[in-house]
Amino acid sequence: IKSFRDKHLNDSLLFLNLLSSIDLKWIDYGCVSAVPSSAPAHTATTQHLALRLSNAQLCITVIRRLGMKIFVSANDVCAGRENANLWVLTNIMLIAAKYRENDALNHTNT
């Protein structure tokens, strides 16, 4: 990633992989759509856009179910808006910190 405007963030796969790296149970990869890498955002077909939107919706849904408040839409993420990508990544970082804190508490109580 070179910046939060990087077009590789449009398919949300990085965000989904980050969530999965925190806890494997959170992402069902059967629901994740593989967007061909040969389809850049500016020449993407309607089908590619639908796949990207589906991934972004899944990512935002998981973040919300984990208790975070996210104020961007899947369309913002797919459009590559810098603030949307920053907000999603910030929420994932907060989830990781919260998960690590809860995990540490569980290990000290046992």
PDB file of N, CA and C in Angstrom:
ATOM      1  N   ILE A   1       0.854  -1.175   0.000  1.00  0.00           N
ATOM      2  CA  ILE A   1       0.000   0.000   0.000  1.00  0.00           C
ATOM      3  C   ILE A   1       0.894   1.230   0.000  1.00  0.00           C
ATOM      4  N   LYS A   2       0.658   2.087  -0.937  1.00  0.00           N
ATOM      5  CA  LYS A   2       1.428   3.329  -1.002  1.00  0.00           C
ATOM      6  C   LYS A   2       0.715   4.462  -0.279  1.00  0.00           C
ATOM      7  N   SER A   3      -0.605   4.457  -0.332  1.00  0.00           N
ATOM      8  CA  SER A   3      -1.399   5.469   0.351  1.00  0.00           C
ATOM      9  C   SER A   3      -2.799   4.914   0.553  1.00  0.00           C
ATOM     10  N   PHE A   4      -3.626   5.677   1.223  1.00  0.00           N
ATOM     11  CA  PHE A   4      -5.008   5.247   1.425  1.00  0.00           C
ATOM     12  C   PHE A   4      -5.845   5.440   0.166  1.00  0.00           C
ATOM     13  N   ARG A   5      -5.269   5.993  -0.875  1.00  0.00           N
ATOM     14  CA  ARG A   5      -5.936   6.097  -2.173  1.00  0.00           C
ATOM     15  C   ARG A   5      -5.568   4.944  -3.093  1.00  0.00           C
ATOM     16  N   ASP A   6      -4.755   4.034  -2.602  1.00  0.00           N
ATOM     17  CA  ASP A   6      -4.277   2.916  -3.406  1.00  0.00           C
ATOM     18  C   ASP A   6      -5.459   2.120  -3.960  1.00  0.00           C
ATOM     19  N   LYS A   7      -5.435   1.860  -5.245  1.00  0.00           N
ATOM     20  CA  LYS A   7      -6.548   1.163  -5.907  1.00  0.00           C
ATOM     21  C   LYS A   7      -6.650  -0.296  -5.493  1.00  0.00           C
ATOM     22  N   HIS A   8      -5.600  -0.841  -4.876  1.00  0.00           N
ATOM     23  CA  HIS A   8      -5.659  -2.226  -4.419  1.00  0.00           C
ATOM     24  C   HIS A   8      -6.562  -2.390  -3.202  1.00  0.00           C
ATOM     25  N   LEU A   9      -6.951  -1.303  -2.586  1.00  0.00           N
ATOM     26  CA  LEU A   9      -7.859  -1.362  -1.436  1.00  0.00           C
ATOM     27  C   LEU A   9      -9.318  -1.427  -1.868  1.00  0.00           C
ATOM     28  N   ASN A  10      -9.599  -1.192  -3.140  1.00  0.00           N
ATOM     29  CA  ASN A  10     -10.985  -1.130  -3.616  1.00  0.00           C
ATOM     30  C   ASN A  10     -11.732  -2.450  -3.481  1.00  0.00           C
ATOM     31  N   ASP A  11     -11.012  -3.566  -3.517  1.00  0.00           N
ATOM     32  CA  ASP A  11     -11.711  -4.851  -3.433  1.00  0.00           C
ATOM     33  C   ASP A  11     -11.905  -5.331  -1.996  1.00  0.00           C
ATOM     34  N   SER A  12     -11.381  -4.615  -1.017  1.00  0.00           N
ATOM     35  CA  SER A  12     -11.538  -4.885   0.424  1.00  0.00           C
ATOM     36  C   SER A  12     -10.891  -6.182   0.882  1.00  0.00           C
ATOM     37  N   LEU A  13     -10.151  -6.851   0.023  1.00  0.00           N
ATOM     38  CA  LEU A  13      -9.522  -8.110   0.424  1.00  0.00           C
ATOM     39  C   LEU A  13      -8.483  -7.904   1.515  1.00  0.00           C
ATOM     40  N   LEU A  14      -7.747  -6.815   1.456  1.00  0.00           N
ATOM     41  CA  LEU A  14      -6.767  -6.533   2.509  1.00  0.00           C
ATOM     42  C   LEU A  14      -7.466  -6.382   3.857  1.00  0.00           C
ATOM     43  N   PHE A  15      -8.564  -5.654   3.884  1.00  0.00           N
ATOM     44  CA  PHE A  15      -9.294  -5.450   5.136  1.00  0.00           C
ATOM     45  C   PHE A  15      -9.849  -6.772   5.668  1.00  0.00           C
ATOM     46  N   LEU A  16     -10.384  -7.603   4.766  1.00  0.00           N
ATOM     47  CA  LEU A  16     -10.920  -8.894   5.182  1.00  0.00           C
ATOM     48  C   LEU A  16      -9.799  -9.802   5.708  1.00  0.00           C
ATOM     49  N   ASN A  17      -8.643  -9.763   5.063  1.00  0.00           N
ATOM     50  CA  ASN A  17      -7.511 -10.560   5.526  1.00  0.00           C
ATOM     51  C   ASN A  17      -7.012 -10.083   6.887  1.00  0.00           C
ATOM     52  N   LEU A  18      -7.026  -8.783   7.114  1.00  0.00           N
ATOM     53  CA  LEU A  18      -6.620  -8.250   8.418  1.00  0.00           C
ATOM     54  C   LEU A  18      -7.579  -8.711   9.515  1.00  0.00           C
ATOM     55  N   LEU A  19      -8.871  -8.653   9.234  1.00  0.00           N
ATOM     56  CA  LEU A  19      -9.855  -9.123  10.214  1.00  0.00           C
ATOM     57  C   LEU A  19      -9.665 -10.609  10.498  1.00  0.00           C
ATOM     58  N   SER A  20      -9.407 -11.370   9.452  1.00  0.00           N
ATOM     59  CA  SER A  20      -9.200 -12.805   9.612  1.00  0.00           C
ATOM     60  C   SER A  20      -7.920 -13.103  10.379  1.00  0.00           C
ATOM     61  N   SER A  21      -6.919 -12.258  10.246  1.00  0.00           N
ATOM     62  CA  SER A  21      -5.670 -12.488  10.969  1.00  0.00           C
ATOM     63  C   SER A  21      -5.835 -12.278  12.468  1.00  0.00           C
ATOM     64  N   ILE A  22      -6.823 -11.507  12.861  1.00  0.00           N
ATOM     65  CA  ILE A  22      -7.093 -11.305  14.287  1.00  0.00           C
ATOM     66  C   ILE A  22      -7.773 -12.545  14.853  1.00  0.00           C
ATOM     67  N   ASP A  23      -8.792 -13.034  14.153  1.00  0.00           N
ATOM     68  CA  ASP A  23      -9.481 -14.260  14.549  1.00  0.00           C
ATOM     69  C   ASP A  23     -10.021 -14.926  13.295  1.00  0.00           C
ATOM     70  N   LEU A  24      -9.606 -16.146  13.047  1.00  0.00           N
ATOM     71  CA  LEU A  24      -9.973 -16.849  11.818  1.00  0.00           C
ATOM     72  C   LEU A  24     -11.476 -17.075  11.669  1.00  0.00           C
ATOM     73  N   LYS A  25     -12.193 -17.098  12.782  1.00  0.00           N
ATOM     74  CA  LYS A  25     -13.631 -17.391  12.736  1.00  0.00           C
ATOM     75  C   LYS A  25     -14.460 -16.229  12.204  1.00  0.00           C
ATOM     76  N   TRP A  26     -13.892 -15.045  12.141  1.00  0.00           N
ATOM     77  CA  TRP A  26     -14.685 -13.870  11.796  1.00  0.00           C
ATOM     78  C   TRP A  26     -15.018 -13.765  10.315  1.00  0.00           C
ATOM     79  N   ILE A  27     -14.191 -14.313   9.456  1.00  0.00           N
ATOM     80  CA  ILE A  27     -14.416 -14.187   8.017  1.00  0.00           C
ATOM     81  C   ILE A  27     -14.650 -15.569   7.420  1.00  0.00           C
ATOM     82  N   ASP A  28     -15.783 -15.725   6.759  1.00  0.00           N
ATOM     83  CA  ASP A  28     -16.081 -16.937   6.006  1.00  0.00           C
ATOM     84  C   ASP A  28     -15.669 -16.663   4.563  1.00  0.00           C
ATOM     85  N   TYR A  29     -14.557 -17.254   4.150  1.00  0.00           N
ATOM     86  CA  TYR A  29     -14.046 -16.973   2.813  1.00  0.00           C
ATOM     87  C   TYR A  29     -14.928 -17.550   1.711  1.00  0.00           C
ATOM     88  N   GLY A  30     -15.922 -18.342   2.072  1.00  0.00           N
ATOM     89  CA  GLY A  30     -16.902 -18.784   1.092  1.00  0.00           C
ATOM     90  C   GLY A  30     -17.782 -17.630   0.627  1.00  0.00           C
ATOM     91  N   CYS A  31     -17.857 -16.583   1.441  1.00  0.00           N
ATOM     92  CA  CYS A  31     -18.663 -15.403   1.098  1.00  0.00           C
ATOM     93  C   CYS A  31     -17.838 -14.304   0.439  1.00  0.00           C
ATOM     94  N   VAL A  32     -16.526 -14.491   0.386  1.00  0.00           N
ATOM     95  CA  VAL A  32     -15.650 -13.471  -0.184  1.00  0.00           C
ATOM     96  C   VAL A  32     -15.534 -13.696  -1.679  1.00  0.00           C
ATOM     97  N   SER A  33     -15.671 -12.634  -2.435  1.00  0.00           N
ATOM     98  CA  SER A  33     -15.592 -12.707  -3.891  1.00  0.00           C
ATOM     99  C   SER A  33     -14.178 -12.375  -4.353  1.00  0.00           C
ATOM    100  N   ALA A  34     -13.641 -13.223  -5.194  1.00  0.00           N
ATOM    101  CA  ALA A  34     -12.315 -12.970  -5.762  1.00  0.00           C
ATOM    102  C   ALA A  34     -12.477 -12.053  -6.967  1.00  0.00           C
ATOM    103  N   VAL A  35     -11.917 -10.877  -6.869  1.00  0.00           N
ATOM    104  CA  VAL A  35     -11.968  -9.908  -7.967  1.00  0.00           C
ATOM    105  C   VAL A  35     -10.694 -10.077  -8.777  1.00  0.00           C
ATOM    106  N   PRO A  36     -10.808 -10.323 -10.071  1.00  0.00           N
ATOM    107  CA  PRO A  36      -9.596 -10.507 -10.885  1.00  0.00           C
ATOM    108  C   PRO A  36      -8.677  -9.300 -10.795  1.00  0.00           C
ATOM    109  N   SER A  37      -7.402  -9.563 -10.608  1.00  0.00           N
ATOM    110  CA  SER A  37      -6.441  -8.463 -10.499  1.00  0.00           C
ATOM    111  C   SER A  37      -6.242  -7.760 -11.829  1.00  0.00           C
ATOM    112  N   SER A  38      -6.671  -8.385 -12.907  1.00  0.00           N
ATOM    113  CA  SER A  38      -6.517  -7.765 -14.226  1.00  0.00           C
ATOM    114  C   SER A  38      -7.596  -6.722 -14.498  1.00  0.00           C
ATOM    115  N   ALA A  39      -8.454  -6.474 -13.519  1.00  0.00           N
ATOM    116  CA  ALA A  39      -9.541  -5.522 -13.700  1.00  0.00           C
ATOM    117  C   ALA A  39      -9.283  -4.277 -12.875  1.00  0.00           C
ATOM    118  N   PRO A  40      -8.555  -3.297 -13.414  1.00  0.00           N
ATOM    119  CA  PRO A  40      -8.346  -2.058 -12.665  1.00  0.00           C
ATOM    120  C   PRO A  40      -9.661  -1.331 -12.425  1.00  0.00           C
ATOM    121  N   ALA A  41      -9.676  -0.511 -11.398  1.00  0.00           N
ATOM    122  CA  ALA A  41     -10.919   0.143 -10.985  1.00  0.00           C
ATOM    123  C   ALA A  41     -11.522   1.004 -12.087  1.00  0.00           C
ATOM    124  N   HIS A  42     -10.705   1.682 -12.877  1.00  0.00           N
ATOM    125  CA  HIS A  42     -11.252   2.600 -13.871  1.00  0.00           C
ATOM    126  C   HIS A  42     -11.810   1.887 -15.101  1.00  0.00           C
ATOM    127  N   THR A  43     -11.463   0.599 -15.312  1.00  0.00           N
ATOM    128  CA  THR A  43     -12.007  -0.134 -16.452  1.00  0.00           C
ATOM    129  C   THR A  43     -12.852  -1.323 -16.021  1.00  0.00           C
ATOM    130  N   ALA A  44     -13.244  -1.356 -14.768  1.00  0.00           N
ATOM    131  CA  ALA A  44     -13.972  -2.496 -14.233  1.00  0.00           C
ATOM    132  C   ALA A  44     -15.365  -2.604 -14.831  1.00  0.00           C
ATOM    133  N   THR A  45     -15.768  -3.832 -15.048  1.00  0.00           N
ATOM    134  CA  THR A  45     -17.114  -4.083 -15.547  1.00  0.00           C
ATOM    135  C   THR A  45     -18.100  -4.010 -14.391  1.00  0.00           C
ATOM    136  N   THR A  46     -19.358  -4.065 -14.724  1.00  0.00           N
ATOM    137  CA  THR A  46     -20.403  -4.050 -13.704  1.00  0.00           C
ATOM    138  C   THR A  46     -20.260  -5.240 -12.772  1.00  0.00           C
ATOM    139  N   GLN A  47     -19.864  -6.382 -13.317  1.00  0.00           N
ATOM    140  CA  GLN A  47     -19.682  -7.579 -12.494  1.00  0.00           C
ATOM    141  C   GLN A  47     -18.537  -7.388 -11.501  1.00  0.00           C
ATOM    142  N   HIS A  48     -17.420  -6.801 -11.948  1.00  0.00           N
ATOM    143  CA  HIS A  48     -16.301  -6.558 -11.038  1.00  0.00           C
ATOM    144  C   HIS A  48     -16.692  -5.573  -9.941  1.00  0.00           C
ATOM    145  N   LEU A  49     -17.443  -4.557 -10.297  1.00  0.00           N
ATOM    146  CA  LEU A  49     -17.895  -3.589  -9.300  1.00  0.00           C
ATOM    147  C   LEU A  49     -18.811  -4.245  -8.272  1.00  0.00           C
ATOM    148  N   ALA A  50     -19.665  -5.156  -8.746  1.00  0.00           N
ATOM    149  CA  ALA A  50     -20.564  -5.861  -7.830  1.00  0.00           C
ATOM    150  C   ALA A  50     -19.778  -6.750  -6.867  1.00  0.00           C
ATOM    151  N   LEU A  51     -18.718  -7.388  -7.350  1.00  0.00           N
ATOM    152  CA  LEU A  51     -17.887  -8.228  -6.485  1.00  0.00           C
ATOM    153  C   LEU A  51     -17.172  -7.379  -5.436  1.00  0.00           C
ATOM    154  N   ARG A  52     -16.640  -6.239  -5.857  1.00  0.00           N
ATOM    155  CA  ARG A  52     -15.978  -5.336  -4.906  1.00  0.00           C
ATOM    156  C   ARG A  52     -16.954  -4.828  -3.854  1.00  0.00           C
ATOM    157  N   LEU A  53     -18.156  -4.479  -4.296  1.00  0.00           N
ATOM    158  CA  LEU A  53     -19.179  -3.986  -3.375  1.00  0.00           C
ATOM    159  C   LEU A  53     -19.571  -5.070  -2.370  1.00  0.00           C
ATOM    160  N   SER A  54     -19.678  -6.292  -2.834  1.00  0.00           N
ATOM    161  CA  SER A  54     -20.024  -7.406  -1.955  1.00  0.00           C
ATOM    162  C   SER A  54     -18.962  -7.595  -0.870  1.00  0.00           C
ATOM    163  N   ASN A  55     -17.700  -7.530  -1.244  1.00  0.00           N
ATOM    164  CA  ASN A  55     -16.617  -7.659  -0.264  1.00  0.00           C
ATOM    165  C   ASN A  55     -16.634  -6.511   0.743  1.00  0.00           C
ATOM    166  N   ALA A  56     -16.851  -5.301   0.255  1.00  0.00           N
ATOM    167  CA  ALA A  56     -16.884  -4.137   1.145  1.00  0.00           C
ATOM    168  C   ALA A  56     -18.061  -4.235   2.120  1.00  0.00           C
ATOM    169  N   GLN A  57     -19.200  -4.710   1.642  1.00  0.00           N
ATOM    170  CA  GLN A  57     -20.358  -4.875   2.516  1.00  0.00           C
ATOM    171  C   GLN A  57     -20.082  -5.918   3.594  1.00  0.00           C
ATOM    172  N   LEU A  58     -19.428  -7.012   3.221  1.00  0.00           N
ATOM    173  CA  LEU A  58     -19.076  -8.041   4.194  1.00  0.00           C
ATOM    174  C   LEU A  58     -18.135  -7.477   5.248  1.00  0.00           C
ATOM    175  N   CYS A  59     -17.140  -6.742   4.821  1.00  0.00           N
ATOM    176  CA  CYS A  59     -16.172  -6.143   5.744  1.00  0.00           C
ATOM    177  C   CYS A  59     -16.858  -5.205   6.732  1.00  0.00           C
ATOM    178  N   ILE A  60     -17.700  -4.336   6.229  1.00  0.00           N
ATOM    179  CA  ILE A  60     -18.400  -3.373   7.092  1.00  0.00           C
ATOM    180  C   ILE A  60     -19.360  -4.088   8.038  1.00  0.00           C
ATOM    181  N   THR A  61     -20.012  -5.133   7.556  1.00  0.00           N
ATOM    182  CA  THR A  61     -20.918  -5.902   8.406  1.00  0.00           C
ATOM    183  C   THR A  61     -20.174  -6.557   9.562  1.00  0.00           C
ATOM    184  N   VAL A  62     -19.024  -7.153   9.265  1.00  0.00           N
ATOM    185  CA  VAL A  62     -18.231  -7.796  10.315  1.00  0.00           C
ATOM    186  C   VAL A  62     -17.762  -6.761  11.338  1.00  0.00           C
ATOM    187  N   ILE A  63     -17.305  -5.622  10.860  1.00  0.00           N
ATOM    188  CA  ILE A  63     -16.850  -4.573  11.772  1.00  0.00           C
ATOM    189  C   ILE A  63     -17.984  -4.120  12.676  1.00  0.00           C
ATOM    190  N   ARG A  64     -19.169  -3.964  12.128  1.00  0.00           N
ATOM    191  CA  ARG A  64     -20.327  -3.548  12.945  1.00  0.00           C
ATOM    192  C   ARG A  64     -20.713  -4.628  13.943  1.00  0.00           C
ATOM    193  N   ARG A  65     -20.670  -5.879  13.525  1.00  0.00           N
ATOM    194  CA  ARG A  65     -21.023  -6.968  14.437  1.00  0.00           C
ATOM    195  C   ARG A  65     -20.037  -7.114  15.582  1.00  0.00           C
ATOM    196  N   LEU A  66     -18.827  -6.630  15.361  1.00  0.00           N
ATOM    197  CA  LEU A  66     -17.820  -6.670  16.419  1.00  0.00           C
ATOM    198  C   LEU A  66     -17.928  -5.472  17.351  1.00  0.00           C
ATOM    199  N   GLY A  67     -18.976  -4.670  17.165  1.00  0.00           N
ATOM    200  CA  GLY A  67     -19.272  -3.602  18.105  1.00  0.00           C
ATOM    201  C   GLY A  67     -18.719  -2.234  17.757  1.00  0.00           C
ATOM    202  N   MET A  68     -18.182  -2.083  16.583  1.00  0.00           N
ATOM    203  CA  MET A  68     -17.616  -0.792  16.201  1.00  0.00           C
ATOM    204  C   MET A  68     -18.656   0.019  15.433  1.00  0.00           C
ATOM    205  N   LYS A  69     -18.553   1.316  15.560  1.00  0.00           N
ATOM    206  CA  LYS A  69     -19.420   2.219  14.798  1.00  0.00           C
ATOM    207  C   LYS A  69     -18.630   2.717  13.604  1.00  0.00           C
ATOM    208  N   ILE A  70     -19.133   2.420  12.430  1.00  0.00           N
ATOM    209  CA  ILE A  70     -18.421   2.799  11.210  1.00  0.00           C
ATOM    210  C   ILE A  70     -19.345   3.683  10.386  1.00  0.00           C
ATOM    211  N   PHE A  71     -18.821   4.804   9.950  1.00  0.00           N
ATOM    212  CA  PHE A  71     -19.641   5.821   9.297  1.00  0.00           C
ATOM    213  C   PHE A  71     -19.304   5.980   7.822  1.00  0.00           C
ATOM    214  N   VAL A  72     -18.926   4.900   7.179  1.00  0.00           N
ATOM    215  CA  VAL A  72     -18.686   4.925   5.741  1.00  0.00           C
ATOM    216  C   VAL A  72     -19.544   3.847   5.099  1.00  0.00           C
ATOM    217  N   SER A  73     -19.797   4.014   3.842  1.00  0.00           N
ATOM    218  CA  SER A  73     -20.582   3.017   3.132  1.00  0.00           C
ATOM    219  C   SER A  73     -19.659   2.136   2.305  1.00  0.00           C
ATOM    220  N   ALA A  74     -20.186   1.019   1.873  1.00  0.00           N
ATOM    221  CA  ALA A  74     -19.420   0.122   1.007  1.00  0.00           C
ATOM    222  C   ALA A  74     -19.066   0.824  -0.301  1.00  0.00           C
ATOM    223  N   ASN A  75     -19.935   1.678  -0.770  1.00  0.00           N
ATOM    224  CA  ASN A  75     -19.655   2.426  -2.001  1.00  0.00           C
ATOM    225  C   ASN A  75     -18.449   3.341  -1.832  1.00  0.00           C
ATOM    226  N   ASP A  76     -18.283   3.927  -0.648  1.00  0.00           N
ATOM    227  CA  ASP A  76     -17.128   4.786  -0.379  1.00  0.00           C
ATOM    228  C   ASP A  76     -15.827   3.987  -0.450  1.00  0.00           C
ATOM    229  N   VAL A  77     -15.857   2.779   0.108  1.00  0.00           N
ATOM    230  CA  VAL A  77     -14.668   1.934   0.087  1.00  0.00           C
ATOM    231  C   VAL A  77     -14.341   1.511  -1.345  1.00  0.00           C
ATOM    232  N   CYS A  78     -15.363   1.107  -2.091  1.00  0.00           N
ATOM    233  CA  CYS A  78     -15.149   0.682  -3.477  1.00  0.00           C
ATOM    234  C   CYS A  78     -14.663   1.824  -4.367  1.00  0.00           C
ATOM    235  N   ALA A  79     -15.078   3.024  -4.050  1.00  0.00           N
ATOM    236  CA  ALA A  79     -14.661   4.180  -4.843  1.00  0.00           C
ATOM    237  C   ALA A  79     -13.235   4.596  -4.516  1.00  0.00           C
ATOM    238  N   GLY A  80     -12.650   4.005  -3.487  1.00  0.00           N
ATOM    239  CA  GLY A  80     -11.274   4.314  -3.133  1.00  0.00           C
ATOM    240  C   GLY A  80     -11.111   5.635  -2.408  1.00  0.00           C
ATOM    241  N   ARG A  81     -12.150   6.060  -1.718  1.00  0.00           N
ATOM    242  CA  ARG A  81     -12.057   7.322  -0.977  1.00  0.00           C
ATOM    243  C   ARG A  81     -11.080   7.152   0.185  1.00  0.00           C
ATOM    244  N   GLU A  82     -10.152   8.059   0.251  1.00  0.00           N
ATOM    245  CA  GLU A  82      -9.076   7.986   1.232  1.00  0.00           C
ATOM    246  C   GLU A  82      -9.598   7.943   2.661  1.00  0.00           C
ATOM    247  N   ASN A  83     -10.558   8.801   2.976  1.00  0.00           N
ATOM    248  CA  ASN A  83     -11.101   8.848   4.342  1.00  0.00           C
ATOM    249  C   ASN A  83     -11.832   7.563   4.695  1.00  0.00           C
ATOM    250  N   ALA A  84     -12.516   6.963   3.728  1.00  0.00           N
ATOM    251  CA  ALA A  84     -13.233   5.716   3.984  1.00  0.00           C
ATOM    252  C   ALA A  84     -12.245   4.601   4.304  1.00  0.00           C
ATOM    253  N   ASN A  85     -11.180   4.500   3.519  1.00  0.00           N
ATOM    254  CA  ASN A  85     -10.176   3.467   3.770  1.00  0.00           C
ATOM    255  C   ASN A  85      -9.480   3.688   5.108  1.00  0.00           C
ATOM    256  N   LEU A  86      -9.199   4.920   5.434  1.00  0.00           N
ATOM    257  CA  LEU A  86      -8.579   5.242   6.719  1.00  0.00           C
ATOM    258  C   LEU A  86      -9.511   4.857   7.861  1.00  0.00           C
ATOM    259  N   TRP A  87     -10.785   5.144   7.725  1.00  0.00           N
ATOM    260  CA  TRP A  87     -11.758   4.833   8.772  1.00  0.00           C
ATOM    261  C   TRP A  87     -11.887   3.323   8.969  1.00  0.00           C
ATOM    262  N   VAL A  88     -11.930   2.565   7.879  1.00  0.00           N
ATOM    263  CA  VAL A  88     -12.032   1.105   7.989  1.00  0.00           C
ATOM    264  C   VAL A  88     -10.791   0.547   8.675  1.00  0.00           C
ATOM    265  N   LEU A  89      -9.620   0.997   8.252  1.00  0.00           N
ATOM    266  CA  LEU A  89      -8.385   0.507   8.847  1.00  0.00           C
ATOM    267  C   LEU A  89      -8.279   0.890  10.326  1.00  0.00           C
ATOM    268  N   THR A  90      -8.725   2.074  10.677  1.00  0.00           N
ATOM    269  CA  THR A  90      -8.725   2.501  12.077  1.00  0.00           C
ATOM    270  C   THR A  90      -9.625   1.601  12.915  1.00  0.00           C
ATOM    271  N   ASN A  91     -10.789   1.272  12.389  1.00  0.00           N
ATOM    272  CA  ASN A  91     -11.694   0.379  13.117  1.00  0.00           C
ATOM    273  C   ASN A  91     -11.083  -1.002  13.295  1.00  0.00           C
ATOM    274  N   ILE A  92     -10.391  -1.493  12.284  1.00  0.00           N
ATOM    275  CA  ILE A  92      -9.749  -2.808  12.396  1.00  0.00           C
ATOM    276  C   ILE A  92      -8.646  -2.766  13.453  1.00  0.00           C
ATOM    277  N   MET A  93      -7.904  -1.672  13.499  1.00  0.00           N
ATOM    278  CA  MET A  93      -6.863  -1.529  14.518  1.00  0.00           C
ATOM    279  C   MET A  93      -7.477  -1.485  15.918  1.00  0.00           C
ATOM    280  N   LEU A  94      -8.599  -0.800  16.077  1.00  0.00           N
ATOM    281  CA  LEU A  94      -9.274  -0.752  17.377  1.00  0.00           C
ATOM    282  C   LEU A  94      -9.808  -2.121  17.774  1.00  0.00           C
ATOM    283  N   ILE A  95     -10.320  -2.862  16.800  1.00  0.00           N
ATOM    284  CA  ILE A  95     -10.803  -4.221  17.070  1.00  0.00           C
ATOM    285  C   ILE A  95      -9.642  -5.098  17.529  1.00  0.00           C
ATOM    286  N   ALA A  96      -8.501  -4.985  16.860  1.00  0.00           N
ATOM    287  CA  ALA A  96      -7.329  -5.785  17.228  1.00  0.00           C
ATOM    288  C   ALA A  96      -6.867  -5.453  18.645  1.00  0.00           C
ATOM    289  N   ALA A  97      -6.854  -4.172  18.986  1.00  0.00           N
ATOM    290  CA  ALA A  97      -6.439  -3.769  20.334  1.00  0.00           C
ATOM    291  C   ALA A  97      -7.418  -4.297  21.378  1.00  0.00           C
ATOM    292  N   LYS A  98      -8.694  -4.193  21.085  1.00  0.00           N
ATOM    293  CA  LYS A  98      -9.728  -4.674  22.005  1.00  0.00           C
ATOM    294  C   LYS A  98      -9.637  -6.195  22.169  1.00  0.00           C
ATOM    295  N   TYR A  99      -9.415  -6.881  21.060  1.00  0.00           N
ATOM    296  CA  TYR A  99      -9.309  -8.336  21.092  1.00  0.00           C
ATOM    297  C   TYR A  99      -8.080  -8.765  21.888  1.00  0.00           C
ATOM    298  N   ARG A 100      -6.953  -8.077  21.673  1.00  0.00           N
ATOM    299  CA  ARG A 100      -5.719  -8.397  22.399  1.00  0.00           C
ATOM    300  C   ARG A 100      -5.899  -8.153  23.895  1.00  0.00           C
ATOM    301  N   GLU A 101      -6.588  -7.057  24.242  1.00  0.00           N
ATOM    302  CA  GLU A 101      -6.824  -6.740  25.654  1.00  0.00           C
ATOM    303  C   GLU A 101      -7.694  -7.812  26.298  1.00  0.00           C
ATOM    304  N   ASN A 102      -8.768  -8.227  25.623  1.00  0.00           N
ATOM    305  CA  ASN A 102      -9.644  -9.268  26.161  1.00  0.00           C
ATOM    306  C   ASN A 102      -8.917 -10.591  26.262  1.00  0.00           C
ATOM    307  N   ASP A 103      -8.069 -10.883  25.286  1.00  0.00           N
ATOM    308  CA  ASP A 103      -7.308 -12.124  25.297  1.00  0.00           C
ATOM    309  C   ASP A 103      -6.317 -12.134  26.465  1.00  0.00           C
ATOM    310  N   ALA A 104      -5.688 -10.991  26.720  1.00  0.00           N
ATOM    311  CA  ALA A 104      -4.744 -10.897  27.829  1.00  0.00           C
ATOM    312  C   ALA A 104      -5.473 -11.063  29.163  1.00  0.00           C
ATOM    313  N   LEU A 105      -6.663 -10.490  29.288  1.00  0.00           N
ATOM    314  CA  LEU A 105      -7.441 -10.640  30.520  1.00  0.00           C
ATOM    315  C   LEU A 105      -7.847 -12.084  30.744  1.00  0.00           C
ATOM    316  N   ASN A 106      -8.213 -12.767  29.683  1.00  0.00           N
ATOM    317  CA  ASN A 106      -8.611 -14.176  29.811  1.00  0.00           C
ATOM    318  C   ASN A 106      -7.435 -15.050  30.241  1.00  0.00           C
ATOM    319  N   HIS A 107      -6.238 -14.737  29.774  1.00  0.00           N
ATOM    320  CA  HIS A 107      -5.075 -15.536  30.145  1.00  0.00           C
ATOM    321  C   HIS A 107      -4.628 -15.260  31.579  1.00  0.00           C
ATOM    322  N   THR A 108      -4.829 -14.062  32.079  1.00  0.00           N
ATOM    323  CA  THR A 108      -4.420 -13.759  33.462  1.00  0.00           C
ATOM    324  C   THR A 108      -5.429 -14.311  34.463  1.00  0.00           C
ATOM    325  N   ASN A 109      -6.678 -14.507  34.054  1.00  0.00           N
ATOM    326  CA  ASN A 109      -7.704 -15.034  34.953  1.00  0.00           C
ATOM    327  C   ASN A 109      -7.667 -16.542  35.078  1.00  0.00           C
ATOM    328  N   THR A 110      -6.925 -17.198  34.205  1.00  0.00           N
ATOM    329  CA  THR A 110      -6.887 -18.664  34.270  1.00  0.00           C
ATOM    330  C   THR A 110      -5.718 -19.176  35.037  1.00  0.00           C
TER     331      THR A 110
END
